[in-house]
Protein backbone atom coordinates (compact mmCIF):
# COMPACT_ATOMS: atom_id res chain seq x y z
CA MET A 1 0.00 0.00 0.00
CA ASN A 2 2.89 2.38 0.78
CA HIS A 3 4.32 1.80 -2.70
CA LEU A 4 0.91 2.45 -4.26
CA SER A 5 0.32 5.68 -2.33
CA LYS A 6 3.83 6.85 -3.23
CA LEU A 7 2.98 6.24 -6.88
CA PHE A 8 0.33 8.97 -6.85
CA ARG A 9 2.01 11.35 -4.38
CA SER A 10 5.00 12.08 -6.61
CA HIS A 11 4.87 15.52 -8.21
CA LEU A 12 5.25 14.81 -11.89
CA GLY A 13 2.93 17.57 -13.00
CA PRO A 14 -0.53 17.74 -14.61
CA ASP A 15 0.73 17.16 -18.15
CA PHE A 16 2.18 13.77 -17.17
CA TRP A 17 -1.15 12.69 -15.72
CA LYS A 18 -3.16 14.02 -18.66
CA PHE A 19 -1.04 11.86 -20.93
CA ARG A 20 -0.73 8.77 -18.76
CA LEU A 21 -4.32 8.59 -17.54
CA GLY A 22 -5.56 9.08 -21.09
CA GLN A 23 -3.35 6.24 -22.23
CA LEU A 24 -4.55 4.15 -19.28
CA VAL A 25 -8.05 4.36 -20.73
CA SER A 26 -6.79 3.21 -24.14
CA ILE A 27 -4.92 0.32 -22.49
CA LEU A 28 -8.18 -0.77 -20.88
CA GLY A 29 -9.75 -0.70 -24.31
CA ASN A 30 -6.86 -2.68 -25.75
CA GLY A 31 -7.50 -5.37 -23.15
CA CYS A 32 -11.06 -5.65 -24.41
CA ARG A 33 -9.97 -5.75 -28.06
CA SER A 34 -7.25 -8.34 -27.45
CA ILE A 35 -9.64 -10.81 -25.87
CA ALA A 36 -12.49 -10.03 -28.25
CA LEU A 37 -10.32 -10.54 -31.32
CA SER A 38 -8.91 -13.92 -30.34
CA TRP A 39 -12.27 -15.10 -29.01
CA TRP A 40 -14.15 -14.09 -32.16
CA ILE A 41 -11.57 -15.73 -34.44
CA LEU A 42 -11.48 -18.95 -32.39
CA GLU A 43 -15.28 -19.08 -32.34
CA LYS A 44 -15.44 -18.72 -36.13
CA THR A 45 -12.42 -20.83 -37.10
CA GLY A 46 -10.99 -22.68 -34.06
CA SER A 47 -7.54 -22.04 -35.52
CA ALA A 48 -4.39 -20.52 -33.98
CA LYS A 49 -3.16 -19.89 -37.53
CA ALA A 50 -6.15 -17.63 -38.13
CA ILE A 51 -5.20 -15.50 -35.13
CA ALA A 52 -1.64 -15.27 -36.41
CA SER A 53 -2.88 -14.30 -39.89
CA VAL A 54 -4.32 -11.11 -38.35
CA LEU A 55 -1.60 -10.33 -35.81
CA VAL A 56 1.46 -11.04 -37.97
CA PRO A 57 0.65 -8.49 -40.75
CA TYR A 58 -0.11 -5.95 -38.02
CA MET A 59 3.33 -6.54 -36.52
CA VAL A 60 5.13 -6.45 -39.87
CA VAL A 61 3.63 -3.13 -40.95
CA ASN A 62 4.16 -1.64 -37.50
CA LEU A 63 7.81 -2.68 -37.54
CA VAL A 64 8.45 -1.28 -41.01
CA LEU A 65 6.84 2.04 -40.15
CA LEU A 66 8.48 2.47 -36.73
CA PRO A 67 11.89 3.62 -37.99
CA LEU A 68 10.36 5.47 -40.95
CA PHE A 69 8.13 7.49 -38.61
CA GLY A 70 11.02 8.18 -36.21
CA PRO A 71 12.00 11.47 -37.93
CA LEU A 72 8.43 12.71 -37.42
CA GLY A 73 8.84 12.45 -33.67
CA ASP A 74 12.11 14.44 -33.82
CA ASN A 75 10.64 17.26 -35.94
CA PHE A 76 6.99 17.84 -35.10
CA SER A 77 4.92 18.33 -31.96
CA ARG A 78 4.82 14.96 -30.24
CA LYS A 79 1.48 15.82 -28.65
CA LYS A 80 -0.13 16.41 -32.04
CA LEU A 81 1.25 13.15 -33.43
CA ILE A 82 -0.15 11.23 -30.46
CA VAL A 83 -3.59 12.85 -30.79
CA ILE A 84 -3.73 12.08 -34.54
CA ALA A 85 -2.71 8.46 -33.88
CA ASP A 86 -5.35 7.94 -31.18
CA LEU A 87 -8.18 9.51 -33.15
CA GLY A 88 -7.24 7.46 -36.21
CA ARG A 89 -7.43 4.27 -34.17
CA PHE A 90 -10.82 5.37 -32.83
CA VAL A 91 -12.18 5.48 -36.39
CA ILE A 92 -10.68 2.07 -37.23
CA GLY A 93 -12.13 0.61 -34.03
CA CYS A 94 -15.58 1.77 -35.11
CA PHE A 95 -15.20 -0.12 -38.41
CA MET A 96 -14.24 -3.33 -36.55
CA ALA A 97 -17.25 -2.95 -34.26
CA ALA A 98 -19.45 -2.55 -37.36
CA MET A 99 -18.16 -5.88 -38.69
CA VAL A 100 -19.30 -7.60 -35.50
CA TYR A 101 -22.62 -5.76 -35.44
CA PHE A 102 -23.49 -6.95 -38.95
CA ASP A 103 -21.99 -10.40 -38.21
CA TYR A 104 -19.65 -10.01 -41.16
CA PHE A 105 -16.64 -12.18 -40.36
CA ASN A 106 -14.10 -11.63 -43.10
CA LEU A 107 -10.56 -12.55 -42.09
CA PRO A 108 -8.76 -10.56 -44.86
CA LEU A 109 -10.82 -7.44 -44.07
CA LEU A 110 -10.16 -7.85 -40.36
CA ALA A 111 -6.44 -8.18 -41.08
CA GLY A 112 -6.64 -5.07 -43.29
CA LEU A 113 -8.23 -3.03 -40.52
CA TYR A 114 -5.57 -4.24 -38.10
CA ILE A 115 -2.90 -3.17 -40.59
CA ALA A 116 -4.51 0.29 -40.70
CA ALA A 117 -4.45 0.34 -36.89
CA SER A 118 -0.75 -0.51 -36.99
CA VAL A 119 -0.12 2.77 -38.83
CA GLY A 120 -1.64 4.61 -35.89
CA ALA A 121 0.36 2.50 -33.44
CA ALA A 122 3.62 3.28 -35.25
CA LEU A 123 2.82 6.99 -35.32
CA PHE A 124 2.03 6.92 -31.61
CA ASN A 125 5.24 5.04 -30.78
CA SER A 126 7.34 7.51 -32.77
CA ALA A 127 6.23 10.25 -30.38
CA GLU A 128 5.65 8.46 -27.08
CA GLY A 129 9.31 7.76 -26.32
CA GLY A 130 10.20 11.45 -26.53
CA ILE A 131 7.25 13.13 -24.87
CA ILE A 132 7.87 12.02 -21.27
CA PRO A 133 11.19 13.93 -20.93
CA GLN A 134 9.37 17.04 -22.21
CA ILE A 135 6.56 16.96 -19.65
CA VAL A 136 8.50 16.01 -16.48
CA GLU A 137 11.68 17.33 -14.88
CA ARG A 138 14.94 15.58 -15.81
CA GLY A 139 15.61 14.49 -12.24
CA LYS A 140 12.26 12.71 -12.13
CA LEU A 141 12.61 10.77 -15.38
CA GLN A 142 13.23 7.38 -13.78
CA THR A 143 10.31 7.92 -11.43
CA ALA A 144 8.14 8.91 -14.39
CA LEU A 145 9.17 5.79 -16.32
CA GLN A 146 8.57 3.53 -13.33
CA GLN A 147 5.15 5.03 -12.84
CA SER A 148 4.45 4.74 -16.55
CA TYR A 149 5.22 1.02 -16.39
CA ALA A 150 3.11 0.65 -13.24
CA ILE A 151 0.18 2.54 -14.75
CA SER A 152 0.40 0.64 -18.03
CA SER A 153 0.64 -2.63 -16.15
CA PHE A 154 -2.32 -1.69 -13.98
CA GLY A 155 -4.18 -1.06 -17.22
CA GLY A 156 -3.10 -4.52 -18.34
CA VAL A 157 -4.53 -6.07 -15.17
CA ALA A 158 -7.77 -4.11 -15.32
CA GLY A 159 -7.93 -4.44 -19.11
CA GLY A 160 -7.65 -8.20 -18.95
CA VAL A 161 -10.33 -8.43 -16.28
CA LEU A 162 -12.51 -5.85 -18.03
CA GLY A 163 -12.05 -7.50 -21.42
CA GLY A 164 -12.98 -10.92 -20.11
CA ALA A 165 -16.02 -9.50 -18.33
CA VAL A 166 -17.18 -7.40 -21.28
CA VAL A 167 -16.89 -10.29 -23.74
CA SER A 168 -18.70 -12.59 -21.29
CA VAL A 169 -21.54 -10.14 -20.59
CA PHE A 170 -21.81 -7.89 -23.65
CA GLY A 171 -20.16 -10.06 -26.27
CA VAL A 172 -17.47 -9.27 -28.81
CA LEU A 173 -19.38 -6.20 -30.06
CA GLY A 174 -19.32 -4.56 -26.63
CA ALA A 175 -15.58 -5.17 -26.36
CA PHE A 176 -14.79 -3.65 -29.76
CA LEU A 177 -16.95 -0.59 -28.99
CA THR A 178 -15.16 -0.15 -25.67
CA ASP A 179 -11.83 -0.26 -27.47
CA ALA A 180 -12.86 2.36 -30.03
CA LEU A 181 -14.19 4.78 -27.40
CA SER A 182 -11.06 4.36 -25.29
CA PHE A 183 -8.90 5.79 -28.09
CA LEU A 184 -11.25 8.74 -28.45
CA ALA A 185 -10.89 9.46 -24.73
CA ALA A 186 -7.10 9.06 -24.87
CA GLY A 187 -6.77 11.45 -27.80
CA LEU A 188 -8.92 14.10 -26.15
CA SER A 189 -6.96 13.79 -22.90
CA SER A 190 -3.55 14.11 -24.59
CA ASN A 191 -4.81 17.17 -26.45
CA LEU A 192 -5.04 18.95 -23.08
CA ILE A 193 -1.24 18.83 -22.55
CA ARG A 194 0.05 22.40 -22.21
CA ALA A 195 3.83 21.82 -22.43
CA ASN A 196 5.71 22.58 -25.64
CA THR A 197 6.34 19.14 -27.14
CA ILE A 198 8.18 20.28 -30.26
CA PRO A 199 11.64 18.65 -30.11
CA ARG A 200 14.60 20.82 -29.16
CA ARG A 201 17.01 20.92 -32.09
CA LYS A 202 20.37 22.58 -32.51
CA LYS A 203 19.73 23.36 -36.17
CA LYS A 204 16.88 25.73 -36.91
CA GLY A 205 14.75 25.71 -40.01
CA SER A 206 11.77 23.94 -41.53
CA PRO A 207 11.70 20.29 -40.41
CA LEU A 208 11.46 17.53 -42.98
CA LYS A 209 11.07 19.99 -45.85
CA SER A 210 11.79 17.28 -48.44
CA LEU A 211 11.99 13.52 -48.91
CA SER A 212 15.78 13.78 -49.08
CA HIS A 213 15.78 15.55 -45.71
CA TRP A 214 13.62 12.76 -44.26
CA LYS A 215 16.01 10.16 -45.66
CA ALA A 216 19.02 12.02 -44.25
CA GLU A 217 17.47 12.16 -40.77
CA PHE A 218 16.55 8.49 -40.88
CA LEU A 219 20.00 7.39 -42.03
CA ASP A 220 21.63 9.67 -39.49
CA GLY A 221 19.75 7.85 -36.73
CA LEU A 222 20.84 4.47 -38.09
CA ARG A 223 24.46 5.60 -38.35
CA LEU A 224 24.60 6.85 -34.79
CA LEU A 225 22.87 3.80 -33.32
CA TRP A 226 25.45 1.57 -35.04
CA LYS A 227 28.25 3.64 -33.53
CA VAL A 228 26.75 3.47 -30.03
CA GLN A 229 27.42 -0.25 -29.70
CA ILE A 230 25.93 -0.65 -26.20
CA LEU A 231 22.47 0.30 -27.52
CA PHE A 232 22.86 -1.69 -30.73
CA TRP A 233 23.83 -4.97 -29.02
CA ILE A 234 21.19 -4.62 -26.33
CA CYS A 235 18.66 -4.35 -29.17
CA ILE A 236 20.04 -7.49 -30.81
CA SER A 237 19.78 -9.37 -27.50
CA ALA A 238 16.20 -8.16 -27.10
CA MET A 239 15.43 -9.20 -30.69
CA LEU A 240 16.42 -12.80 -29.94
CA ALA A 241 14.47 -12.80 -26.67
CA ASN A 242 11.34 -11.39 -28.31
CA PHE A 243 11.61 -13.95 -31.11
CA THR A 244 11.30 -16.79 -28.58
CA GLN A 245 8.44 -15.04 -26.74
CA ALA A 246 6.49 -14.06 -29.87
CA PRO A 247 4.13 -17.10 -29.90
CA PHE A 248 2.73 -15.97 -26.52
CA TRP A 249 -0.24 -13.97 -27.81
CA VAL A 250 -1.27 -16.83 -30.09
CA ALA A 251 -0.66 -19.57 -27.54
CA LEU A 252 -2.41 -17.91 -24.57
CA PRO A 253 -5.98 -17.77 -25.99
CA VAL A 254 -5.57 -21.34 -27.26
CA PHE A 255 -4.41 -22.36 -23.78
CA ALA A 256 -7.45 -20.75 -22.12
CA LYS A 257 -10.20 -21.65 -24.60
CA LEU A 258 -9.14 -24.93 -26.17
CA ALA A 259 -6.67 -26.54 -23.75
CA ARG A 260 -8.41 -25.58 -20.48
CA ASN A 261 -11.92 -25.14 -21.96
CA MET A 262 -12.52 -21.97 -19.95
CA PRO A 263 -14.76 -18.92 -20.65
CA PRO A 264 -13.44 -15.48 -21.69
CA TRP A 265 -12.97 -14.23 -18.13
CA TYR A 266 -10.17 -16.76 -17.56
CA LEU A 267 -8.20 -15.46 -20.55
CA GLY A 268 -8.64 -12.00 -19.05
CA ALA A 269 -7.43 -13.27 -15.69
CA LEU A 270 -4.30 -14.76 -17.29
CA GLU A 271 -3.50 -11.51 -19.09
CA GLY A 272 -4.24 -9.63 -15.87
CA SER A 273 -1.79 -11.81 -13.94
CA LEU A 274 0.94 -10.96 -16.42
CA ALA A 275 0.24 -7.25 -16.00
CA LEU A 276 -0.04 -7.54 -12.21
CA GLY A 277 3.45 -8.99 -12.14
CA SER A 278 4.61 -5.98 -14.15
CA ILE A 279 3.07 -3.62 -11.59
CA VAL A 280 4.76 -5.32 -8.66
CA GLY A 281 8.05 -5.38 -10.55
CA ALA A 282 7.83 -1.66 -11.36
CA LEU A 283 6.90 -0.62 -7.82
CA SER A 284 9.53 -2.78 -6.12
CA LEU A 285 12.45 -2.06 -8.46
CA ASN A 286 13.96 0.73 -6.35
CA SER A 287 13.82 -1.38 -3.19
CA VAL A 288 15.43 -4.39 -4.86
CA GLN A 289 18.17 -2.30 -6.47
CA LYS A 290 19.33 -1.07 -3.07
CA PHE A 291 21.00 -4.43 -2.49
CA TRP A 292 21.10 -6.02 -5.95
CA ARG A 293 21.66 -4.32 -9.27
CA GLY A 294 23.81 -4.48 -12.38
CA ARG A 295 24.25 -7.18 -15.01
CA SER A 296 23.54 -10.20 -12.80
CA PHE A 297 20.25 -8.67 -11.70
CA LEU A 298 19.26 -7.94 -15.32
CA VAL A 299 20.10 -11.50 -16.39
CA SER A 300 18.06 -12.94 -13.50
CA CYS A 301 15.03 -10.86 -14.48
CA VAL A 302 15.23 -12.11 -18.08
CA ALA A 303 15.71 -15.72 -16.93
CA LEU A 304 12.58 -15.47 -14.78
CA GLN A 305 10.53 -14.90 -17.93
CA GLY A 306 11.85 -18.07 -19.58
CA LEU A 307 11.19 -20.09 -16.43
CA GLY A 308 7.57 -18.93 -16.33
CA PHE A 309 6.94 -20.03 -19.92
CA LEU A 310 8.66 -23.36 -19.32
CA LEU A 311 6.52 -24.27 -16.31
CA LEU A 312 3.19 -22.94 -17.58
CA PRO A 313 1.93 -26.10 -19.40
CA TRP A 314 2.72 -28.26 -16.35
CA SER A 315 0.89 -25.97 -13.90
CA PRO A 316 -2.32 -27.66 -12.70
CA GLY A 317 -5.51 -25.90 -11.69
CA LEU A 318 -6.55 -22.36 -12.44
CA LEU A 319 -4.39 -20.29 -10.08
CA LEU A 320 -0.93 -21.77 -10.70
CA PRO A 321 -0.83 -20.77 -14.41
CA MET A 322 -1.70 -17.26 -13.29
CA GLY A 323 1.26 -17.42 -10.90
CA MET A 324 3.59 -18.42 -13.71
CA LEU A 325 2.49 -15.45 -15.80
CA PHE A 326 2.82 -13.17 -12.77
CA GLY A 327 6.50 -14.16 -12.65
CA VAL A 328 6.91 -13.47 -16.37
CA GLY A 329 5.47 -9.97 -15.97
CA PHE A 330 7.55 -9.32 -12.84
CA GLY A 331 10.83 -10.16 -14.56
CA SER A 332 9.88 -8.36 -17.76
CA SER A 333 9.08 -5.02 -16.14
CA MET A 334 12.20 -5.02 -13.98
CA ALA A 335 14.43 -5.75 -16.97
CA ASN A 336 12.75 -3.22 -19.28
CA ILE A 337 12.65 -0.34 -16.79
CA GLN A 338 16.38 -0.62 -16.08
CA PHE A 339 17.23 -0.28 -19.75
CA ASP A 340 14.59 2.30 -20.71
CA ALA A 341 15.41 4.64 -17.83
CA GLN A 342 19.10 4.70 -18.71
CA ALA A 343 18.44 5.06 -22.44
CA VAL A 344 16.18 8.08 -21.89
CA LEU A 345 18.92 9.75 -19.82
CA VAL A 346 21.81 9.24 -22.23
CA ILE A 347 20.08 9.95 -25.58
CA PRO A 348 19.77 13.67 -26.53
CA ASP A 349 16.24 14.98 -27.10
CA SER A 350 16.84 15.82 -30.77
CA TYR A 351 17.60 12.13 -31.48
CA ARG A 352 15.32 10.45 -28.98
CA ALA A 353 12.38 9.61 -31.27
CA ARG A 354 14.64 8.24 -34.03
CA PHE A 355 16.69 6.19 -31.59
CA ASN A 356 13.59 4.82 -29.85
CA SER A 357 11.88 3.97 -33.15
CA ILE A 358 14.94 2.24 -34.61
CA MET A 359 15.61 0.40 -31.35
CA ASP A 360 12.00 -0.78 -31.23
CA PHE A 361 12.37 -1.95 -34.82
CA LEU A 362 15.47 -3.96 -33.95
CA CYS A 363 14.06 -5.33 -30.69
CA LEU A 364 10.89 -6.54 -32.41
CA GLY A 365 12.39 -7.29 -35.82
CA LEU A 366 11.88 -11.05 -35.60
CA TYR A 367 8.59 -10.88 -33.69
CA PRO A 368 6.26 -11.49 -36.68
CA LEU A 369 8.38 -14.47 -37.75
CA GLY A 370 8.28 -15.87 -34.22
CA MET A 371 4.52 -15.39 -34.01
CA ALA A 372 3.93 -17.13 -37.34
CA GLY A 373 6.33 -19.90 -36.37
CA GLY A 374 4.56 -20.29 -33.04
CA SER A 375 1.23 -20.91 -34.74
CA LEU A 376 2.88 -23.61 -36.86
CA LEU A 377 4.49 -25.16 -33.77
CA ILE A 378 1.11 -25.34 -32.05
CA ALA A 379 -0.39 -27.03 -35.11
CA GLN A 380 2.49 -29.49 -35.59
CA LEU A 381 3.87 -30.23 -32.10
CA GLY A 382 1.05 -29.16 -29.80
CA LEU A 383 0.59 -26.38 -27.28
CA SER A 384 2.65 -27.86 -24.42
CA ALA A 385 5.70 -28.42 -26.63
CA THR A 386 5.44 -24.82 -27.84
CA TRP A 387 5.52 -23.46 -24.27
CA VAL A 388 8.53 -25.65 -23.45
CA ILE A 389 10.43 -24.49 -26.55
CA MET A 390 9.70 -20.86 -25.65
CA GLY A 391 10.91 -21.33 -22.08
CA LEU A 392 14.07 -23.29 -22.85
CA SER A 393 15.06 -20.91 -25.65
CA GLY A 394 14.65 -17.95 -23.34
CA LEU A 395 16.76 -19.52 -20.60
CA LEU A 396 19.53 -20.49 -23.01
CA GLN A 397 19.74 -16.96 -24.40
CA THR A 398 20.08 -15.09 -21.11
CA PRO A 399 23.88 -15.49 -20.71
CA LEU A 400 24.34 -13.67 -24.05
CA ILE A 401 23.40 -10.42 -22.30
CA LEU A 402 26.72 -10.54 -20.43
CA LEU A 403 28.55 -10.18 -23.75
CA VAL A 404 27.10 -6.71 -24.43
CA PRO A 405 30.01 -4.22 -24.31
CA LYS A 406 30.05 -1.58 -21.51
CA LEU A 407 26.77 -2.92 -20.10
CA LYS A 408 27.92 -2.57 -16.48
CA GLU A 409 28.79 1.12 -16.89
CA PHE A 410 25.56 1.80 -18.77
CA LEU A 411 23.35 0.27 -16.08
CA GLU A 412 25.13 2.03 -13.22
CA VAL A 413 25.69 5.56 -14.59
CA PRO A 414 23.85 8.05 -12.33
CA ALA A 415 21.35 10.55 -13.74
CA HIS A 416 23.62 13.60 -13.23
CA LYS A 417 26.41 11.96 -15.27
CA ALA A 418 24.26 10.26 -17.91
CA GLY A 419 24.59 13.14 -20.37
CA GLY A 420 28.34 12.51 -20.66
CA PHE A 421 28.12 8.73 -21.08
CA LEU A 422 28.08 8.78 -24.87
CA LYS A 423 30.82 11.40 -25.11
CA LYS A 424 33.04 9.37 -22.78
CA HIS A 425 32.59 5.93 -24.30
CA TYR A 426 31.59 6.76 -27.89
CA PRO A 427 33.31 10.03 -28.88
CA GLN A 428 33.05 9.01 -32.54
CA ALA A 429 29.25 9.29 -32.33
CA THR A 430 28.75 13.02 -32.81
CA LEU A 431 25.31 13.99 -31.49
């Protein structure tokens, strides 16, 4: 309770809460859409491949657009980009709800609408990574990121529970309508931000005045990320980890509906357990780091995720699988917050959106392939074997993190010295 009260007592300013609480609403809507989508597809087809056929194109388009949209987030008002992205996804959500209302199940059309939604997601992501440092004080960035993870994870818990309840009571239509309205609320809330969210740039002039300028900015971000090897190799490590975890969002609804023969609320409870673990991990990170931090702690957090996947198919009853996913979320949030907080501190504002977009692209580059492969594994080897492969692969990959150059210094650099980290270790990367 003390951790929870501290979460809301911190003085991060009204703009932070306008943004985060608006996004909390959209996360709740996402929880409804996630469960509604998989449930509707399984009801109509009973196929994990059908779920993947919608999710994989979404991921591919999102990944391709992430680095291409990065220059937008370093040139234009990040608030405006976020509002446009949310309102666009509101419109797309209304179209998906119309499909359910008219009982028009068309898998290619559904995939097409999800692809359109991925454009909005990529636009949002190009701006989200840079807006937090503009609406909170520099000394409170780690606190803001921890609270962002906690709030997002709380939305995951509530969204899973809400999604399962809405699908159970109001059906798939109610869930899709809830999702659409949540993006409308998020966009209107973000529009109330008063801070100047136009990126601070050393060079003045009209941003992105030509396609060649766009290309130059994009390639400049790629060049610098390659030179900053610590960030590049962390992204490669994350890419491999995400590849092994990618089948999760295909395997979980199959686990709940077909393997355990449970109603929608149980799928929501499983997703909620994952998010609850993320909340606890975010809120307890500072306390744990007082006596354990650095590379060994990061590796242990990543290994905990693999262990949770490995044990999930052998967990009897209803509560133990939820416990396994709680552990996955706990380890995931602790690992991600450590990296994200340090990355925000060391990357200059004028490059932050490009770096974040390109890093997201690298981290998730193999995700669509892993998701498609996971659906094939489920079809060929079965669900339990798929979970075991995910878990063992994750555990075997964790020692590779120790090979990342200068990881120890990166994880331990204090906030007041973070600005000089790149100059000290990577003087060739002129920012």
